[in-house]
């Protein structure tokens, strides 16, 4: 079924206003590069690994292997690409020894030690815009604290600041 001229005109108007292609036809979307996870079964489950240029969350309970999965993915991609570089926002301590045990070349991991949410996001955006790195890891999102929340006393309420 052909697309109506009214729809195409609206798409053009929206894209002109946004000064970018924010509305596209789904059939024009290309399958992005995939990064291996370091686990064959996880690569199969994800259709070939984690997609490039997408936000991917590794979720689970404490001590269930989330960091290990990410370290193994970094190590696998570093093995395949000698220029593969990572920025790691460490709201919690970066475990250099565990990274090494999992095969990570820590010389190609840049760690930003902070739990300040706004600072972390600003730096993540700077690195993303530079396109000079391959992955950005935030460990751990729940450990980041909004500036306003960090300035409050323990008995003061702050709801949804991170959101």
Protein backbone atom coordinates (compact mmCIF):
# COMPACT_ATOMS: atom_id res chain seq x y z
CA UNK A 1 0.00 0.00 0.00
CA UNK A 2 1.55 3.34 -1.02
CA UNK A 3 2.16 6.04 1.57
CA UNK A 4 -0.09 9.08 1.25
CA UNK A 5 1.33 12.44 0.26
CA UNK A 6 -0.05 13.91 3.49
CA UNK A 7 2.07 11.53 5.56
CA UNK A 8 5.18 12.23 3.47
CA UNK A 9 4.58 15.98 3.77
CA UNK A 10 4.26 15.67 7.57
CA UNK A 11 7.46 13.60 7.76
CA UNK A 12 9.30 16.23 5.71
CA UNK A 13 7.95 19.03 7.95
CA UNK A 14 9.02 17.25 11.15
CA UNK A 15 12.48 16.46 9.79
CA UNK A 16 12.91 20.05 8.62
CA UNK A 17 11.93 21.38 12.06
CA UNK A 18 14.31 18.95 13.77
CA UNK A 19 17.09 19.70 11.26
CA UNK A 20 17.70 15.95 11.17
CA UNK A 21 16.17 12.70 9.98
CA UNK A 22 14.20 11.94 13.15
CA UNK A 23 11.38 10.27 11.23
CA UNK A 24 12.38 7.56 8.77
CA UNK A 25 10.64 4.70 7.01
CA UNK A 26 11.32 1.50 8.92
CA UNK A 27 12.36 -0.36 5.76
CA UNK A 28 15.23 2.14 5.36
CA UNK A 29 16.72 1.21 8.73
CA UNK A 30 19.85 -0.84 8.27
CA UNK A 31 21.00 -3.53 10.65
CA UNK A 32 23.78 -2.00 12.69
CA UNK A 33 27.11 -3.56 13.49
CA UNK A 34 27.01 -6.05 16.33
CA UNK A 35 29.66 -6.42 19.01
CA UNK A 36 30.27 -9.93 20.33
CA UNK A 37 29.42 -10.37 23.99
CA UNK A 38 32.21 -12.83 24.71
CA UNK A 39 29.64 -15.59 25.22
CA UNK A 40 28.50 -17.74 22.30
CA UNK A 41 25.11 -18.48 23.88
CA UNK A 42 24.52 -14.78 24.60
CA UNK A 43 25.59 -13.88 21.06
CA UNK A 44 23.06 -16.38 19.70
CA UNK A 45 20.35 -15.04 22.04
CA UNK A 46 21.02 -11.44 20.98
CA UNK A 47 21.22 -12.14 17.27
CA UNK A 48 24.97 -11.72 17.02
CA UNK A 49 25.92 -9.62 20.03
CA UNK A 50 25.18 -6.16 21.30
CA UNK A 51 24.10 -3.67 18.61
CA UNK A 52 26.32 -0.68 17.91
CA UNK A 53 24.99 2.79 18.69
CA UNK A 54 22.37 1.50 21.11
CA UNK A 55 21.91 1.72 24.84
CA UNK A 56 22.23 -1.79 26.27
CA UNK A 57 21.50 -2.54 29.91
CA UNK A 58 22.89 -5.57 31.66
CA UNK A 59 20.52 -6.15 34.56
CA UNK A 60 20.52 -8.61 37.42
CA UNK A 61 20.92 -9.04 41.12
CA UNK A 62 24.13 -8.22 42.95
CA UNK A 63 26.93 -10.77 42.38
CA UNK A 64 25.14 -12.46 39.48
CA UNK A 65 27.82 -11.76 36.85
CA UNK A 66 26.82 -8.48 35.18
CA UNK A 67 30.31 -7.00 35.38
CA UNK A 68 31.85 -10.29 34.27
CA UNK A 69 29.63 -10.35 31.17
CA UNK A 70 30.68 -6.82 30.30
CA UNK A 71 34.38 -7.55 30.94
CA UNK A 72 34.17 -10.63 28.71
CA UNK A 73 32.53 -8.56 25.97
CA UNK A 74 35.26 -5.94 26.21
CA UNK A 75 37.98 -8.60 26.14
CA UNK A 76 36.48 -10.34 23.09
CA UNK A 77 36.19 -7.09 21.16
CA UNK A 78 39.72 -6.07 22.15
CA UNK A 79 40.98 -9.43 20.85
CA UNK A 80 39.27 -8.81 17.51
CA UNK A 81 40.18 -5.13 17.21
CA UNK A 82 43.52 -3.78 18.52
CA UNK A 83 42.03 -0.27 18.61
CA UNK A 84 38.88 -1.18 20.59
CA UNK A 85 38.64 1.39 23.39
CA UNK A 86 36.23 1.75 26.31
CA UNK A 87 35.21 4.52 28.69
CA UNK A 88 34.08 3.12 32.03
CA UNK A 89 32.15 5.40 34.40
CA UNK A 90 32.94 3.94 37.81
CA UNK A 91 30.31 5.00 40.30
CA UNK A 92 31.44 1.84 42.06
CA UNK A 93 35.10 0.77 42.22
CA UNK A 94 36.61 -0.45 38.93
CA UNK A 95 37.97 -3.94 39.52
CA UNK A 96 41.27 -3.88 37.62
CA UNK A 97 42.24 -7.40 38.71
CA UNK A 98 38.89 -8.96 37.75
CA UNK A 99 39.01 -7.15 34.41
CA UNK A 100 42.49 -8.57 33.80
CA UNK A 101 41.35 -12.07 34.82
CA UNK A 102 38.60 -11.80 32.21
CA UNK A 103 41.09 -10.83 29.50
CA UNK A 104 40.57 -7.06 29.42
CA UNK A 105 43.52 -4.94 28.28
CA UNK A 106 43.19 -2.19 30.87
CA UNK A 107 45.49 0.04 28.80
CA UNK A 108 42.48 0.56 26.49
CA UNK A 109 39.94 1.28 29.23
CA UNK A 110 39.60 4.85 30.46
CA UNK A 111 37.96 5.07 33.87
CA UNK A 112 35.99 8.10 35.09
CA UNK A 113 35.70 7.76 38.88
CA UNK A 114 32.57 9.61 39.93
CA UNK A 115 29.17 9.04 41.44
CA UNK A 116 27.93 12.49 40.37
CA UNK A 117 25.18 11.89 37.82
CA UNK A 118 25.33 15.17 35.90
CA UNK A 119 29.14 15.08 35.63
CA UNK A 120 29.08 11.44 34.49
CA UNK A 121 26.46 12.11 31.81
CA UNK A 122 28.27 15.21 30.56
CA UNK A 123 31.50 13.22 30.15
CA UNK A 124 29.67 10.27 28.55
CA UNK A 125 28.13 12.65 26.02
CA UNK A 126 31.53 14.24 25.30
CA UNK A 127 33.05 10.84 24.59
CA UNK A 128 30.03 9.75 22.52
CA UNK A 129 30.15 12.91 20.40
CA UNK A 130 33.87 12.46 19.81
CA UNK A 131 33.28 9.00 18.30
CA UNK A 132 36.79 8.22 19.53
CA UNK A 133 35.77 5.25 21.67
CA UNK A 134 33.85 2.07 20.96
CA UNK A 135 31.92 1.41 24.17
CA UNK A 136 30.75 3.41 27.14
CA UNK A 137 30.03 1.48 30.32
CA UNK A 138 28.24 3.01 33.31
CA UNK A 139 28.81 0.93 36.44
CA UNK A 140 26.43 1.38 38.03
CA UNK A 141 23.54 3.61 37.03
CA UNK A 142 21.72 3.21 40.39
CA UNK A 143 24.90 4.31 42.19
CA UNK A 144 24.94 7.69 40.43
CA UNK A 145 23.62 10.54 42.56
CA UNK A 146 21.94 13.66 41.20
CA UNK A 147 23.66 16.88 42.34
CA UNK A 148 20.55 18.15 44.10
CA UNK A 149 20.16 14.87 45.97
CA UNK A 150 23.81 14.90 47.03
CA UNK A 151 23.40 18.37 48.50
CA UNK A 152 20.46 17.41 50.72
CA UNK A 153 20.63 16.20 54.29
CA UNK A 154 19.76 12.56 55.02
CA UNK A 155 16.33 13.52 56.38
CA UNK A 156 15.34 15.57 53.30
CA UNK A 157 13.28 13.94 50.56
CA UNK A 158 14.23 13.87 46.92
CA UNK A 159 12.13 11.75 44.60
CA UNK A 160 12.89 10.89 40.99
CA UNK A 161 15.87 13.20 40.51
CA UNK A 162 17.83 10.52 38.66
CA UNK A 163 14.94 9.91 36.31
